[in-house]
Protein backbone atom coordinates (compact mmCIF):
# COMPACT_ATOMS: atom_id res chain seq x y z
CA MET A 1 0.04 -0.05 -0.10
CA SER A 2 2.70 2.62 1.05
CA LYS A 3 4.63 1.76 -2.26
CA ARG A 4 1.42 2.54 -4.25
CA ILE A 5 1.37 5.80 -2.38
CA LEU A 6 4.90 6.68 -2.98
CA SER A 7 4.46 5.91 -6.65
CA LEU A 8 1.58 8.04 -6.96
CA CYS A 9 3.72 10.94 -5.27
CA LEU A 10 6.44 10.49 -7.59
CA CYS A 11 4.17 10.76 -10.46
CA VAL A 12 2.54 14.00 -9.33
CA VAL A 13 5.96 15.59 -8.57
CA LEU A 14 6.99 14.59 -12.23
CA ILE A 15 4.00 15.91 -13.89
CA PHE A 16 4.26 19.31 -11.97
CA SER A 17 8.10 19.42 -13.00
CA LEU A 18 7.40 18.81 -16.64
CA ALA A 19 4.64 21.54 -16.40
CA GLY A 20 7.10 23.94 -14.71
CA CYS A 21 9.67 23.02 -17.48
CA ASN A 22 7.02 23.83 -20.11
CA ARG A 23 6.17 27.18 -18.57
CA THR A 24 9.70 28.20 -18.51
CA ALA A 25 10.16 27.19 -22.05
CA GLU A 26 7.35 29.27 -23.03
CA ASP A 27 8.63 32.09 -20.97
CA ILE A 28 11.85 32.06 -22.71
CA SER A 29 10.12 31.90 -25.99
CA SER A 30 8.47 35.16 -24.93
CA GLU A 31 11.36 36.87 -23.81
CA GLU A 32 13.17 35.87 -27.06
CA ILE A 33 10.41 37.51 -29.09
CA GLN A 34 10.43 40.57 -27.19
CA SER A 35 14.13 40.79 -27.18
CA PRO A 36 16.07 43.77 -28.65
CA ALA A 37 17.38 41.68 -31.23
CA ASN A 38 14.02 40.48 -32.34
CA GLN A 39 12.82 44.08 -32.02
CA ASP A 40 15.37 45.31 -34.34
CA LYS A 41 14.40 42.52 -36.74
CA GLN A 42 10.82 43.55 -36.59
CA GLU A 43 11.80 47.26 -37.32
CA THR A 44 13.86 46.46 -39.94
CA GLU A 45 11.00 44.25 -41.67
CA ASP A 46 8.64 47.08 -41.03
CA THR A 47 11.01 49.77 -42.43
CA SER A 48 11.46 47.43 -45.63
CA LYS A 49 7.87 47.13 -46.08
CA ASN A 50 7.59 51.19 -45.96
CA ALA A 51 10.40 51.25 -48.32
CA GLU A 52 8.20 49.18 -50.87
CA LEU A 53 5.30 51.73 -50.78
CA LYS A 54 4.82 54.57 -53.28
CA ASN A 55 5.29 57.88 -51.77
CA LEU A 56 2.17 60.11 -52.73
CA ILE A 57 4.55 63.16 -52.62
CA GLU A 58 6.49 61.99 -55.52
CA MET A 59 3.28 61.52 -57.52
CA ARG A 60 2.99 64.95 -58.93
CA ASP A 61 3.65 67.22 -61.76
CA SER A 62 4.88 65.20 -64.76
CA LYS A 63 4.83 61.91 -62.79
CA LEU A 64 1.52 60.50 -63.28
CA TRP A 65 0.68 57.15 -61.70
CA ALA A 66 -2.19 54.88 -62.54
CA ILE A 67 -3.38 52.62 -59.62
CA ASP A 68 -6.22 50.12 -58.97
CA GLU A 69 -7.80 48.75 -55.80
CA LYS A 70 -4.94 46.55 -55.11
CA GLU A 71 -2.26 49.40 -55.26
CA ALA A 72 -4.22 51.62 -52.98
CA ASP A 73 -2.75 50.01 -49.88
CA LYS A 74 0.67 50.37 -51.22
CA LEU A 75 0.92 54.16 -50.84
CA SER A 76 2.83 56.21 -48.17
CA LEU A 77 2.98 59.84 -46.93
CA ASP A 78 5.49 61.66 -44.81
CA GLY A 79 7.06 58.19 -44.44
CA GLN A 80 4.16 56.31 -43.12
CA PRO A 81 1.76 54.08 -44.78
CA TYR A 82 -1.53 56.02 -46.20
CA LYS A 83 -4.76 54.91 -46.14
CA PHE A 84 -7.59 56.80 -48.18
CA PRO A 85 -10.18 58.50 -45.97
CA GLU A 86 -13.43 56.36 -45.63
CA GLU A 87 -15.70 58.77 -47.03
CA LEU A 88 -13.59 58.58 -50.21
CA LEU A 89 -13.70 54.87 -50.41
CA GLU A 90 -17.43 55.05 -50.20
CA ILE A 91 -18.03 57.09 -53.13
CA ILE A 92 -15.40 56.05 -55.68
CA ASP A 93 -14.63 52.97 -57.85
CA PHE A 94 -10.88 52.17 -57.76
CA THR A 95 -11.05 50.30 -61.22
CA TYR A 96 -8.84 53.08 -62.56
CA VAL A 97 -7.30 56.22 -60.65
CA ILE A 98 -4.53 58.50 -61.38
CA ILE A 99 -2.72 60.31 -58.58
CA ASN A 100 -1.11 64.05 -59.58
CA TYR A 101 -0.64 64.82 -55.80
CA PRO A 102 -2.47 66.36 -54.12
CA LEU A 103 -5.13 65.47 -56.83
CA LEU A 104 -6.73 62.03 -57.35
CA ILE A 105 -8.52 61.69 -60.81
CA PHE A 106 -11.07 59.31 -61.54
CA HIS A 107 -11.78 57.75 -64.90
CA ASN A 108 -15.34 59.44 -64.60
CA GLY A 109 -13.84 62.81 -64.27
CA ASN A 110 -14.28 63.48 -60.69
CA VAL A 111 -11.11 65.16 -59.01
CA TYR A 112 -10.40 64.66 -55.36
CA ASN A 113 -8.02 66.85 -53.30
CA LEU A 114 -6.13 64.54 -50.85
CA GLU A 115 -4.73 67.47 -48.84
CA GLU A 116 -8.17 69.03 -48.31
CA ASN A 117 -10.08 65.63 -48.28
CA GLU A 118 -12.82 66.94 -50.47
CA LEU A 119 -14.20 66.30 -53.96
CA ILE A 120 -13.33 69.91 -55.74
CA PHE A 121 -14.83 69.28 -59.02
CA THR A 122 -16.87 66.61 -61.23
CA PHE A 123 -16.86 66.01 -64.79
CA GLU A 124 -20.31 67.76 -65.07
CA ASN A 125 -18.71 70.95 -64.47
CA ILE A 126 -16.76 70.63 -67.59
CA SER A 127 -19.49 68.93 -69.84
CA PHE A 128 -21.96 71.68 -69.23
CA SER A 129 -19.39 74.24 -70.33
CA LEU A 130 -18.52 72.26 -73.29
CA GLU A 131 -22.08 72.31 -74.68
CA GLU A 132 -21.96 76.23 -73.98
CA GLU A 133 -18.75 76.53 -76.16
CA TRP A 134 -19.34 74.09 -78.73
CA GLY A 135 -18.98 75.93 -81.94
CA ASN A 136 -17.22 78.72 -80.43
CA THR A 137 -13.96 78.07 -78.75
CA ILE A 138 -14.64 74.37 -79.38
CA ASP A 139 -14.68 74.10 -83.34
CA PRO A 140 -16.46 70.95 -84.40
CA ASP A 141 -15.23 71.28 -87.90
CA LYS A 142 -11.68 70.29 -86.56
CA ILE A 143 -13.18 66.86 -85.64
CA LYS A 144 -12.63 65.32 -89.04
CA PHE A 145 -14.42 61.98 -90.38
CA PHE A 146 -16.84 61.74 -87.42
CA GLU A 147 -20.16 63.45 -87.91
CA ASP A 148 -21.94 62.13 -84.85
CA VAL A 149 -19.36 63.54 -82.41
CA GLY A 150 -20.87 66.21 -79.89
CA PRO A 151 -19.84 67.82 -76.53
CA GLU A 152 -20.89 64.48 -74.69
CA SER A 153 -18.16 62.61 -76.86
CA PHE A 154 -15.41 64.24 -74.98
CA ASN A 155 -16.08 61.98 -71.64
CA LEU A 156 -12.53 60.94 -70.62
CA MET A 157 -10.42 62.83 -68.33
CA TYR A 158 -6.71 61.78 -67.93
CA ASN A 159 -4.74 64.58 -66.69
CA VAL A 160 -5.33 67.49 -64.15
CA SER A 161 -2.80 69.80 -62.46
CA LEU A 162 -3.30 71.96 -59.40
CA SER A 163 -2.01 75.59 -59.64
CA PRO A 164 0.49 76.93 -56.99
CA SER A 165 -2.26 79.09 -55.49
CA LYS A 166 -4.36 75.86 -55.60
CA LYS A 167 -7.23 78.10 -56.89
CA LYS A 168 -7.21 76.67 -60.41
CA VAL A 169 -7.07 73.24 -62.01
CA ALA A 170 -5.79 72.69 -65.59
CA PHE A 171 -7.39 69.66 -67.38
CA SER A 172 -7.58 67.66 -70.46
CA VAL A 173 -10.61 65.72 -71.81
CA HIS A 174 -10.53 63.18 -74.72
CA PHE A 175 -12.51 61.32 -77.30
CA TYR A 176 -11.26 58.09 -78.48
CA ARG A 177 -12.31 56.28 -81.80
CA ILE A 178 -10.78 53.86 -84.13
CA ALA A 179 -7.10 54.74 -82.96
CA THR A 180 -7.89 58.38 -83.04
CA VAL A 181 -7.59 60.64 -79.97
CA GLN A 182 -8.94 64.13 -79.88
CA THR A 183 -8.14 66.39 -77.06
CA ILE A 184 -9.65 69.53 -75.39
CA THR A 185 -7.73 71.40 -72.66
CA GLY A 186 -8.57 74.35 -70.53
CA PHE A 187 -8.88 75.14 -66.62
CA PHE A 188 -11.38 75.13 -63.77
CA ASN A 189 -11.54 78.16 -61.50
CA LEU A 190 -12.16 76.60 -57.99
CA GLU A 191 -13.16 80.41 -56.76
CA ASP A 192 -15.83 81.04 -59.29
CA SER A 193 -16.44 77.37 -60.62
CA LYS A 194 -15.89 78.93 -64.20
CA VAL A 195 -14.50 76.76 -67.13
CA TYR A 196 -12.02 78.16 -69.55
CA PHE A 197 -11.07 76.43 -72.58
CA THR A 198 -8.25 76.72 -75.09
CA HIS A 199 -9.12 76.48 -78.68
CA GLY A 200 -9.61 73.03 -79.82
CA PRO A 201 -9.69 70.13 -80.21
CA PHE A 202 -6.48 68.96 -81.50
CA MET A 203 -5.10 65.46 -82.41
CA GLY A 204 -3.06 63.72 -79.77
CA GLN A 205 -3.36 62.80 -76.01
CA VAL A 206 -2.08 65.00 -73.33
CA SER A 207 0.26 63.47 -70.78
CA ASN A 208 2.00 66.23 -68.81
CA ILE A 209 0.18 69.67 -67.71
CA ILE A 210 2.25 72.03 -65.30
CA TRP A 211 1.58 75.60 -64.33
CA SER A 212 4.16 78.56 -64.26
CA PRO A 213 4.83 79.76 -60.61
CA ASN A 214 3.15 82.88 -61.06
CA GLU A 215 0.26 81.06 -62.86
CA ASP A 216 0.11 83.31 -65.86
CA HIS A 217 1.00 80.28 -68.08
CA PHE A 218 0.47 76.57 -68.19
CA ALA A 219 2.06 74.14 -70.50
CA TYR A 220 1.08 70.79 -71.91
CA THR A 221 2.27 68.10 -74.16
CA SER A 222 0.15 66.42 -77.08
CA ASP A 223 1.73 62.96 -77.64
CA TYR A 224 1.19 60.73 -80.58
CA MET A 225 3.40 58.02 -82.12
CA GLY A 226 5.49 59.01 -85.05
CA LYS A 227 7.88 56.82 -87.30
CA SER A 228 10.39 54.35 -85.85
CA GLN A 229 8.66 54.09 -82.55
CA ILE A 230 9.75 57.60 -81.81
CA GLU A 231 7.00 59.26 -79.67
CA GLN A 232 6.49 62.83 -80.77
CA SER A 233 5.14 65.65 -78.61
CA ASP A 234 3.78 68.97 -79.62
CA ILE A 235 4.70 71.23 -76.64
CA TYR A 236 2.40 74.14 -76.01
CA VAL A 237 2.47 77.03 -73.63
CA ILE A 238 -0.89 78.85 -72.98
CA ASN A 239 -1.68 82.43 -71.52
CA SER A 240 -4.06 81.67 -68.67
CA GLY A 241 -5.49 85.11 -69.06
CA ASP A 242 -6.80 85.04 -72.67
CA MET A 243 -6.18 81.28 -73.09
CA GLU A 244 -4.14 82.08 -76.49
CA LYS A 245 -1.40 79.74 -77.43
CA ILE A 246 1.86 81.89 -77.13
CA PHE A 247 4.34 79.00 -77.96
CA GLU A 248 4.66 75.67 -79.60
CA VAL A 249 7.47 73.49 -80.55
CA ASN A 250 7.73 69.88 -81.82
CA SER A 251 9.96 67.30 -79.67
CA THR A 252 11.65 65.78 -82.89
CA GLU A 253 12.67 69.61 -83.78
CA LEU A 254 13.64 70.27 -80.02
CA PHE A 255 15.67 67.23 -79.74
CA LYS A 256 16.93 66.68 -83.47
CA GLU A 257 20.50 66.08 -82.67
CA GLU A 258 19.75 63.69 -79.62
CA LEU A 259 17.34 61.61 -81.97
CA ASN A 260 20.04 60.97 -84.41
CA ASP A 261 19.75 57.23 -85.47
CA GLU A 262 23.46 56.58 -84.53
CA GLN A 263 22.72 57.48 -80.90
CA LEU A 264 19.47 55.33 -80.38
CA PRO A 265 19.75 52.17 -78.40
CA GLU A 266 18.93 49.06 -80.40
CA TYR A 267 15.51 48.42 -78.63
CA PHE A 268 13.84 51.32 -77.32
CA TYR A 269 10.82 53.83 -77.35
CA THR A 270 11.03 57.38 -76.24
CA ARG A 271 8.94 59.55 -73.92
CA VAL A 272 9.01 63.48 -73.67
CA LYS A 273 7.79 65.03 -70.38
CA LEU A 274 7.78 68.54 -68.93
CA VAL A 275 10.03 68.74 -65.94
CA GLU A 276 9.67 72.05 -64.33
CA TRP A 277 9.44 75.71 -64.80
CA VAL A 278 12.62 77.71 -64.71
CA GLY A 279 11.47 80.89 -63.48
CA ASN A 280 8.22 82.38 -65.10
CA ASP A 281 9.64 82.34 -68.78
CA SER A 282 11.46 79.10 -69.52
CA LEU A 283 10.51 75.51 -69.33
CA ALA A 284 12.61 72.40 -68.82
CA VAL A 285 11.66 69.51 -71.18
CA GLN A 286 13.23 66.03 -71.07
CA LEU A 287 13.55 63.47 -73.58
CA GLU A 288 14.07 59.78 -72.47
CA PHE A 289 15.07 56.68 -74.27
CA ILE A 290 13.14 53.65 -72.49
CA GLY A 291 14.37 50.16 -72.95
CA ASP A 292 13.40 46.77 -71.59
CA GLY A 293 11.43 46.79 -68.29
CA ASP A 294 10.55 50.63 -68.70
CA LYS A 295 14.31 51.37 -67.92
CA VAL A 296 15.54 54.76 -68.75
CA GLU A 297 18.57 54.11 -70.91
CA LYS A 298 19.36 57.73 -71.76
CA GLU A 299 17.97 61.09 -71.03
CA PHE A 300 18.43 64.67 -72.33
CA THR A 301 16.94 67.86 -71.02
CA LYS A 302 16.73 71.22 -72.71
CA ILE A 303 15.41 74.65 -71.61
CA ILE A 304 12.68 76.34 -73.77
CA LYS A 305 12.64 80.23 -73.21
CA TYR A 306 9.23 81.26 -74.68
CA LYS A 307 9.42 84.86 -74.06
């Protein structure tokens, strides 16, 4: 009998000892997770994840980025992951969005200001004014081959640019049919909600719009594919006071020497973009040779003085 009691006592002691060992192992494991080395590792992983995020601040001026819903959670602002406001997520469809910080441009023509967290204008603002200007500033005779084209045909917005004072938004709207792109440009005044158009439409698609520092002018490129895979761009400078074109140049003329066949990479396409204003009377324009994987193989920059 005493032997049985002694055996039971030894079993109980052994069970508690094993339990104590397991608790110690759990404690040690917990301590290891919280150790400085592991904390550093976690911070490094977090930093790496942040480094993979696209910085919203860099998505501005001539840098336009198309994103979809999957890309929406890969953005950062001031070094931290950025999340779109809930009220914005409720009213938009992320099937196609372009960022030209601080503006968010939707395929339906609505424009949202990420700094102010508000919708600043909708496509209806432009379409109503298009109907009023159709046959005046907007010349339907310039739209060749398509008799059925009307103001409602220009229903795609690809590019907008906020002025330095944040009181004006330059834009381009497009009409696509049978590999043809017709474009109308202008700006929307946020103070009086009026729309001002340049004379148009014209052939080509606008990929860059930028304002001069004093807002007296804005410039844009009208892009189309030329021969030998060379993308050509007509570069225009517009007086924002009377909306008249005061300067224009073709990229093949501007970069004639750089486009010499002897200098061209074997496999490439070209891209022209407006980089920045130099004061209020000059514009920096860049030509890029793009190779495999969208890698910039060569780039050249020229300053246009238009006054």
